[in-house]
Every structure is written in structure tokens, then in C-alpha cells.
Amino acid sequence: MMRDSLAALLGLAAYAIYSTHDVIVKDLGATFSPIQIVFFSALLGFPIITVYLIGDPAPKRLRPAHPWWIALRSVSGTISAVCAFYAFAVLPLPEAYSFIFATPLLITLLAVPLLGERIRLRRGIAVLVGLVGVLIVLRPGASPISGGHLAALGAAFSAALNAVIVRKISNDEPVVVMVLYPMLTNLIVTAFALPFVYIDVELLHLALFGLTSMLVLCGMTLIVSAYSRGSALVVAPMQYSQMIWGTLFGVVLFGEWPAWQTYLGVAVIVASGVYILKREATHDVSRTTPVLATKSRMGHAFALRASLMRRLRQGDIPARQKRDSELDEPHD
């Protein structure tokens, strides 16, 4: 019980840090294109990630076992970051979060074709109810659907695709492959687009770009600590605390008051997400547990996820390679 309580507190702290990251991105978004924000956040975060990878005691193998899946993960990660940063900039934070909270619903759907997951009646109903919550937030016909809404949906879909790909191939790929290529893709793609949107950067802005990278790293560190101390069923719902932070930051710093329909829709989405988590954790209904296995929040410029960061700490060996090496060992 004490371990779960500590894990929950660590999870709350991690998502408070993520929300602080989002506030800085929103502030920067008033001046800079999301492409420029992603570029500088990835550029300044790259040395940090490199230090982690160099410290990995496992043998370094840079050739992917699944190059096409790695390519798709890399592209989806870049799309997710750019779309999320744009949504943070132009939407009230609670409204942007409402779409990010729909990611578990999309993970459940994508797990069917990509992981061979079977969705039974109860989880299927939960997904449909959650998607109704998304429609409540969007209010099609009652209010115009903006580019920010489309970007937030794009961020959620790309994040879900990314999470399912990680679940599919992480047993075969070392962390260096799972992290290095997506980070390079972030840098290369945004670098090519940067000349079309570039605005001169002052020292304060550069410091804020660097701070976003540090906040993501701190958030991931706390998430790893939380999952190492408590169950996923305890830690995962802590992500929904971002709604509180998003509301507070939005009102105090930006004067944003989301419509009541946003909170109603979020309540429906959160209830559906928590139910899916509970079904995966406590019932023998999921072979791959794709939502429980997603231990990170996307919507930042880092390709390093909490699950991969944990593997680095433990001395990364892909699970399948580890099983094969154990089979090759002589036994008495």
C-alpha cells in the first residue's frame, strides 16, 4: 500500500512537470512555429539522450531488426510532437489535453490490426463511449472545428500509433535503435522545414527551449521511478491530473476558461480510459495489454520513452535476445 501511494505521488509529480513543459511550449507558441520549437527542443535534448545511450552497457547494434517499423515510429513521433505543440499553442490546455487523453482509446483500436489484439464487448463499448466524449468536446455543428482541434487529434492518433509500434517491436530492438532514429528524424525533418518558419531566437527563448528538454527528462525519470514502485493500474491514471494543472495554468497565466462541454467530454473520456486500464490489468481479456504497456505521455520532442529509459537503467538487452541467450547457455 505504501509503495503504491509513493508511486501515485511520483506519478502526480511527473505529470505536473509535463504540464509545466506544456505551458512553456504554449508561451513559446505565441512567437514560434511548432516546427521551430520541436527542432530546438530536440537539438538541446540530443546531448542528454546521447549521454544515456553511451552509458548503456549493452552491445551497440545500430541496424534495426524492423527498419520499416522503426521508420514509421520515427515519422509518427515527429508528427505527434509538431501537432501537439501546435495544439498547445492555439487551444486552451484543458481542451488540448482532452484529445491527448483519447490516446488509450486509439491504442486499443490500433492494437487490433497491428498486434492481433481482440476487443471484446465491454472494452469495445468503453472505446465507443470515449469517442462520444471526444465528440462532446468537439461539438461538431455547434462550433467550428479549428486547425488546433485537428492537430490535437493528429497528435493523439500519432502517439497511439507510436505506442503500439513500440509494443510490437521492443522485444527485438535495442534501446539505441528505438531512440536514436526517431530523435534524428525529429532533427532532420524539422531542420529541413525550419528555413520556411524561422524566427530569430533570443537568449531567453533559447533558455526556455532548453528548459523544455530538461522538464521532459525530469518527468520521465519520475515516471520510471513511479512504475518501479507501484502497479501500472495505480500510476497510469495519474496522467489525468494534468486536467487540473491545465485548468489552473490556463486561467492564471492565459485567461482561458474552457466551455463546460469540455469538462463533460473529458469526464467521459477519462472514465473510458480508466475502465480500459482496469480491464487490461484485472481481467484475462487482453493478450498484449497495449494501454498498460504505454508508460509515457507523448507530445514532446524526445523519442526516449519511460519504458525504454527503464531498460537503459537495467542494462538494455531486448527481451527476445535475452531469451535466446538463456537458451544457448549450458545447463547442468
Protein backbone atom coordinates (compact mmCIF):
# COMPACT_ATOMS: atom_id res chain seq x y z
CA MET A 1 0.00 0.00 0.00
CA MET A 2 2.79 2.43 0.92
CA ARG A 3 4.63 1.61 -2.30
CA ASP A 4 1.52 2.28 -4.37
CA SER A 5 0.95 5.56 -2.53
CA LEU A 6 4.52 6.65 -3.23
CA ALA A 7 4.16 5.57 -6.86
CA ALA A 8 0.98 7.63 -7.19
CA LEU A 9 2.71 10.70 -5.72
CA LEU A 10 5.65 10.28 -8.09
CA GLY A 11 3.21 9.96 -10.99
CA LEU A 12 1.40 13.13 -9.92
CA ALA A 13 4.72 14.99 -9.70
CA ALA A 14 5.75 13.72 -13.14
CA TYR A 15 2.58 14.90 -14.83
CA ALA A 16 2.76 18.25 -13.04
CA ILE A 17 6.20 18.63 -14.64
CA TYR A 18 4.80 17.63 -18.04
CA SER A 19 2.10 20.28 -17.65
CA THR A 20 4.77 22.87 -16.85
CA HIS A 21 6.52 21.79 -20.06
CA ASP A 22 3.27 22.32 -21.95
CA VAL A 23 2.83 25.81 -20.50
CA ILE A 24 6.29 26.80 -21.74
CA VAL A 25 5.52 25.33 -25.16
CA LYS A 26 2.26 27.30 -25.23
CA ASP A 27 4.10 30.51 -24.34
CA LEU A 28 6.75 29.87 -26.99
CA GLY A 29 3.99 29.02 -29.46
CA ALA A 30 2.81 32.62 -29.37
CA THR A 31 6.08 33.57 -31.11
CA PHE A 32 7.47 30.50 -32.83
CA SER A 33 6.19 27.82 -35.18
CA PRO A 34 5.81 24.37 -33.58
CA ILE A 35 8.41 23.18 -36.09
CA GLN A 36 10.99 25.55 -34.64
CA ILE A 37 10.08 24.61 -31.06
CA VAL A 38 10.42 20.89 -31.82
CA PHE A 39 13.75 21.49 -33.58
CA PHE A 40 15.37 23.39 -30.73
CA SER A 41 13.90 21.14 -28.03
CA ALA A 42 15.23 18.06 -29.84
CA LEU A 43 18.57 19.74 -30.59
CA LEU A 44 19.17 20.75 -26.97
CA GLY A 45 17.88 17.43 -25.66
CA PHE A 46 20.01 15.33 -28.00
CA PRO A 47 23.21 15.57 -25.87
CA ILE A 48 21.25 14.40 -22.83
CA ILE A 49 19.91 11.38 -24.70
CA THR A 50 23.39 10.66 -26.08
CA VAL A 51 24.81 10.50 -22.56
CA TYR A 52 22.15 7.96 -21.60
CA LEU A 53 22.86 5.85 -24.68
CA ILE A 54 26.64 5.95 -24.17
CA GLY A 55 26.12 4.77 -20.60
CA ASP A 56 24.15 1.75 -21.80
CA PRO A 57 26.35 -1.31 -21.07
CA ALA A 58 24.62 -3.45 -23.69
CA PRO A 59 26.36 -4.04 -27.04
CA LYS A 60 25.51 -1.31 -29.53
CA ARG A 61 23.68 -2.51 -32.65
CA LEU A 62 22.56 0.25 -34.99
CA ARG A 63 20.95 -1.88 -37.68
CA PRO A 64 17.21 -2.21 -36.99
CA ALA A 65 15.63 -5.64 -37.00
CA HIS A 66 12.44 -3.99 -38.26
CA PRO A 67 13.53 -1.00 -40.39
CA TRP A 68 10.08 -0.16 -41.72
CA TRP A 69 8.51 -0.17 -38.28
CA ILE A 70 11.35 2.00 -36.97
CA ALA A 71 10.79 4.39 -39.89
CA LEU A 72 7.07 4.57 -39.13
CA ARG A 73 7.75 5.09 -35.42
CA SER A 74 10.18 7.89 -36.29
CA VAL A 75 7.74 9.69 -38.58
CA SER A 76 4.78 9.26 -36.23
CA GLY A 77 6.84 10.63 -33.33
CA THR A 78 7.71 13.77 -35.27
CA ILE A 79 4.11 14.29 -36.37
CA SER A 80 2.89 13.78 -32.80
CA ALA A 81 5.31 16.37 -31.39
CA VAL A 82 4.59 19.03 -34.03
CA CYS A 83 0.82 18.53 -33.82
CA ALA A 84 0.81 18.54 -30.01
CA PHE A 85 2.91 21.70 -29.83
CA TYR A 86 0.58 23.46 -32.26
CA ALA A 87 -2.48 22.34 -30.28
CA PHE A 88 -0.94 23.58 -27.02
CA ALA A 89 -0.27 26.94 -28.66
CA VAL A 90 -3.74 27.62 -30.07
CA LEU A 91 -6.15 25.70 -27.82
CA PRO A 92 -6.85 26.08 -24.10
CA LEU A 93 -4.71 23.48 -22.35
CA PRO A 94 -7.69 21.51 -20.94
CA GLU A 95 -9.13 21.27 -24.44
CA ALA A 96 -5.81 20.07 -25.87
CA TYR A 97 -5.49 17.54 -23.04
CA SER A 98 -8.94 16.16 -23.77
CA PHE A 99 -7.67 14.83 -27.10
CA ILE A 100 -4.40 13.54 -25.63
CA PHE A 101 -6.49 11.64 -23.08
CA ALA A 102 -8.17 9.87 -26.00
CA THR A 103 -4.85 8.19 -26.88
CA PRO A 104 -5.64 4.98 -24.89
CA LEU A 105 -8.85 4.58 -26.89
CA LEU A 106 -6.92 4.82 -30.15
CA ILE A 107 -4.23 2.46 -28.84
CA THR A 108 -6.93 -0.12 -28.16
CA LEU A 109 -8.27 0.22 -31.70
CA LEU A 110 -4.85 0.14 -33.41
CA ALA A 111 -3.81 -2.89 -31.38
CA VAL A 112 -6.36 -4.96 -33.31
CA PRO A 113 -4.67 -4.81 -36.76
CA LEU A 114 -1.10 -4.27 -35.53
CA LEU A 115 -0.87 -6.58 -32.51
CA GLY A 116 -3.64 -9.06 -33.21
CA GLU A 117 -5.47 -7.88 -30.10
CA ARG A 118 -9.11 -8.90 -29.69
CA ILE A 119 -11.54 -6.33 -28.35
CA ARG A 120 -14.44 -7.92 -26.54
CA LEU A 121 -17.80 -6.32 -25.88
CA ARG A 122 -17.02 -4.35 -22.72
CA ARG A 123 -13.81 -2.78 -23.98
CA GLY A 124 -15.48 -2.10 -27.31
CA ILE A 125 -18.30 -0.24 -25.57
CA ALA A 126 -15.75 1.69 -23.49
CA VAL A 127 -13.95 2.80 -26.65
CA LEU A 128 -17.21 3.92 -28.27
CA VAL A 129 -18.24 5.84 -25.14
CA GLY A 130 -14.82 7.52 -25.04
CA LEU A 131 -15.14 8.56 -28.68
CA VAL A 132 -18.52 10.08 -27.82
CA GLY A 133 -16.63 12.10 -25.21
CA VAL A 134 -14.34 13.39 -27.96
CA LEU A 135 -17.40 14.47 -29.96
CA ILE A 136 -18.75 16.28 -26.89
CA VAL A 137 -15.53 18.29 -26.72
CA LEU A 138 -15.53 18.98 -30.46
CA ARG A 139 -19.26 19.87 -30.60
CA PRO A 140 -19.45 19.48 -34.39
CA GLY A 141 -22.08 21.79 -35.83
CA ALA A 142 -22.30 23.90 -32.67
CA SER A 143 -18.83 25.40 -33.01
CA PRO A 144 -16.28 25.42 -35.86
CA ILE A 145 -13.60 22.71 -35.83
CA SER A 146 -10.29 24.55 -35.94
CA GLY A 147 -6.81 23.60 -37.05
CA GLY A 148 -5.95 23.23 -33.38
CA HIS A 149 -8.59 20.54 -32.94
CA LEU A 150 -7.35 18.66 -36.00
CA ALA A 151 -3.76 18.97 -34.76
CA ALA A 152 -4.73 17.61 -31.34
CA LEU A 153 -6.49 14.65 -32.96
CA GLY A 154 -3.44 14.10 -35.17
CA ALA A 155 -1.20 14.17 -32.10
CA ALA A 156 -3.36 11.60 -30.31
CA PHE A 157 -3.50 9.26 -33.32
CA SER A 158 0.25 9.53 -33.99
CA ALA A 159 1.02 8.96 -30.31
CA ALA A 160 -1.22 5.88 -30.28
CA LEU A 161 0.44 4.50 -33.41
CA ASN A 162 3.85 5.14 -31.87
CA ALA A 163 2.90 3.35 -28.67
CA VAL A 164 1.57 0.28 -30.49
CA ILE A 165 4.71 0.08 -32.65
CA VAL A 166 6.90 0.18 -29.54
CA ARG A 167 4.80 -2.62 -28.07
CA LYS A 168 5.15 -4.64 -31.28
CA ILE A 169 8.93 -4.45 -31.83
CA SER A 170 10.55 -3.58 -28.50
CA ASN A 171 11.34 -7.24 -27.78
CA ASP A 172 13.58 -7.33 -30.86
CA GLU A 173 15.19 -3.89 -30.91
CA PRO A 174 17.83 -2.40 -28.58
CA VAL A 175 17.07 0.96 -26.99
CA VAL A 176 19.70 2.72 -29.09
CA VAL A 177 17.76 1.82 -32.25
CA MET A 178 14.38 2.68 -30.72
CA VAL A 179 15.62 6.11 -29.61
CA LEU A 180 18.36 7.26 -31.97
CA TYR A 181 16.50 7.07 -35.28
CA PRO A 182 13.34 8.86 -34.08
CA MET A 183 15.46 11.61 -32.48
CA LEU A 184 17.43 12.04 -35.70
CA THR A 185 14.17 12.12 -37.65
CA ASN A 186 12.87 14.89 -35.39
CA LEU A 187 16.01 16.91 -36.04
CA ILE A 188 16.33 16.25 -39.78
CA VAL A 189 12.67 16.78 -40.71
CA THR A 190 12.28 19.97 -38.67
CA ALA A 191 15.70 21.23 -39.86
CA PHE A 192 14.57 20.98 -43.49
CA ALA A 193 11.34 22.83 -42.68
CA LEU A 194 13.00 25.39 -40.40
CA PRO A 195 14.06 27.92 -43.10
CA PHE A 196 10.40 28.44 -44.03
CA VAL A 197 9.28 29.33 -40.48
CA TYR A 198 12.43 30.53 -38.72
CA ILE A 199 12.25 33.50 -36.35
CA ASP A 200 15.33 34.89 -34.63
CA VAL A 201 15.89 33.37 -31.19
CA GLU A 202 16.84 35.49 -28.20
CA LEU A 203 18.82 34.16 -25.24
CA LEU A 204 15.68 33.90 -23.08
CA HIS A 205 13.94 31.84 -25.74
CA LEU A 206 16.97 29.56 -26.04
CA ALA A 207 16.87 29.02 -22.28
CA LEU A 208 13.18 28.13 -22.49
CA PHE A 209 13.85 25.64 -25.30
CA GLY A 210 16.50 24.02 -23.11
CA LEU A 211 14.15 24.03 -20.13
CA THR A 212 11.53 22.08 -22.08
CA SER A 213 14.11 19.35 -22.70
CA MET A 214 15.10 19.22 -19.03
CA LEU A 215 11.48 19.08 -17.89
CA VAL A 216 10.74 16.12 -20.17
CA LEU A 217 13.77 14.28 -18.81
CA CYS A 218 12.73 15.02 -15.21
CA GLY A 219 9.18 13.88 -15.93
CA MET A 220 10.36 10.62 -17.48
CA THR A 221 12.73 9.98 -14.57
CA LEU A 222 9.86 10.32 -12.11
CA ILE A 223 7.59 8.13 -14.25
CA VAL A 224 10.24 5.39 -14.32
CA SER A 225 10.56 5.63 -10.53
CA ALA A 226 6.79 5.50 -10.15
CA TYR A 227 6.39 2.36 -12.28
CA SER A 228 9.27 0.67 -10.47
CA ARG A 229 7.47 1.16 -7.15
CA GLY A 230 3.82 0.62 -7.97
CA SER A 231 1.47 -1.09 -10.38
CA ALA A 232 0.59 0.37 -13.75
CA LEU A 233 -3.05 0.46 -12.66
CA VAL A 234 -2.08 2.93 -9.93
CA VAL A 235 0.37 5.08 -11.90
CA ALA A 236 -1.31 5.31 -15.33
CA PRO A 237 -4.45 7.20 -14.20
CA MET A 238 -2.24 9.92 -12.70
CA GLN A 239 -1.92 11.36 -16.21
CA TYR A 240 -5.45 12.71 -15.88
CA SER A 241 -4.27 15.08 -13.13
CA GLN A 242 -2.96 17.22 -15.98
CA MET A 243 -6.53 18.46 -16.40
CA ILE A 244 -6.24 20.21 -13.02
CA TRP A 245 -2.90 21.76 -13.89
CA GLY A 246 -4.09 22.70 -17.36
CA THR A 247 -7.10 24.50 -15.90
CA LEU A 248 -5.06 26.34 -13.25
CA PHE A 249 -2.32 27.39 -15.67
CA GLY A 250 -4.85 28.35 -18.31
CA VAL A 251 -6.88 30.58 -16.00
CA VAL A 252 -3.95 32.19 -14.15
CA LEU A 253 -1.45 32.62 -16.99
CA PHE A 254 -3.55 32.85 -20.15
CA GLY A 255 -7.02 33.87 -19.00
CA GLU A 256 -8.57 30.81 -20.66
CA TRP A 257 -11.91 29.49 -19.49
CA PRO A 258 -12.87 26.34 -21.40
CA ALA A 259 -16.55 25.65 -22.07
CA TRP A 260 -18.38 23.34 -19.69
CA GLN A 261 -18.80 20.84 -22.53
CA THR A 262 -15.02 20.36 -22.49
CA TYR A 263 -15.11 19.12 -18.90
CA LEU A 264 -18.11 16.90 -19.59
CA GLY A 265 -16.34 15.35 -22.58
CA VAL A 266 -13.14 14.91 -20.59
CA ALA A 267 -15.06 13.15 -17.80
CA VAL A 268 -16.44 10.67 -20.34
CA ILE A 269 -13.01 10.15 -21.97
CA VAL A 270 -11.27 9.67 -18.61
CA ALA A 271 -13.91 7.22 -17.37
CA SER A 272 -13.50 5.17 -20.55
CA GLY A 273 -9.70 5.24 -20.33
CA VAL A 274 -9.65 4.17 -16.68
CA TYR A 275 -12.10 1.36 -17.41
CA ILE A 276 -9.91 0.07 -20.24
CA LEU A 277 -6.87 0.17 -17.94
CA LYS A 278 -8.75 -1.75 -15.26
CA ARG A 279 -9.97 -4.37 -17.70
CA GLU A 280 -6.45 -4.94 -19.04
CA ALA A 281 -4.99 -5.16 -15.53
CA THR A 282 -7.53 -7.25 -13.67
CA HIS A 283 -9.15 -9.48 -16.28
CA ASP A 284 -7.78 -12.05 -18.69
CA VAL A 285 -9.16 -10.14 -21.67
CA SER A 286 -6.01 -8.73 -23.28
CA ARG A 287 -3.10 -10.70 -24.68
CA THR A 288 -0.83 -7.70 -25.26
CA THR A 289 -2.12 -5.14 -22.69
CA PRO A 290 -1.22 -2.28 -25.07
CA VAL A 291 -2.59 0.55 -22.91
CA LEU A 292 -0.99 -0.64 -19.68
CA ALA A 293 2.32 -1.05 -21.52
CA THR A 294 2.28 2.61 -22.61
CA LYS A 295 4.19 4.19 -19.76
CA SER A 296 4.88 7.59 -21.31
CA ARG A 297 2.97 10.60 -22.45
CA MET A 298 3.75 11.68 -25.98
CA GLY A 299 3.61 15.28 -27.13
CA HIS A 300 7.24 16.23 -26.68
CA ALA A 301 10.36 16.29 -28.84
CA PHE A 302 12.07 13.31 -27.18
CA ALA A 303 11.98 9.82 -28.65
CA LEU A 304 13.00 8.33 -25.30
CA ARG A 305 10.02 6.79 -23.55
CA ALA A 306 9.81 5.78 -19.91
CA SER A 307 9.74 2.05 -20.77
CA LEU A 308 12.90 2.43 -22.86
CA MET A 309 14.54 4.58 -20.21
CA ARG A 310 13.89 1.83 -17.68
CA ARG A 311 15.59 -0.69 -19.95
CA LEU A 312 18.63 1.60 -20.13
CA ARG A 313 18.83 1.70 -16.35
CA GLN A 314 18.64 -2.07 -16.16
CA GLY A 315 21.27 -2.63 -18.86
CA ASP A 316 19.41 -2.95 -22.12
CA ILE A 317 19.02 -6.37 -23.68
CA PRO A 318 16.00 -6.89 -25.96
CA ALA A 319 13.70 -9.47 -24.40
CA ARG A 320 13.85 -11.91 -27.31
CA GLN A 321 17.64 -11.69 -27.49
CA LYS A 322 17.79 -12.28 -23.74
CA ARG A 323 15.59 -15.37 -24.02
CA ASP A 324 17.72 -16.73 -26.87
CA SER A 325 20.94 -16.22 -24.91
CA GLU A 326 19.43 -18.02 -21.93
CA LEU A 327 18.52 -20.96 -24.18
CA ASP A 328 22.08 -21.07 -25.53
CA GLU A 329 23.62 -21.26 -22.05
CA PRO A 330 24.72 -24.75 -20.93
CA HIS A 331 22.66 -26.30 -18.16
CA ASP A 332 23.65 -29.00 -15.71
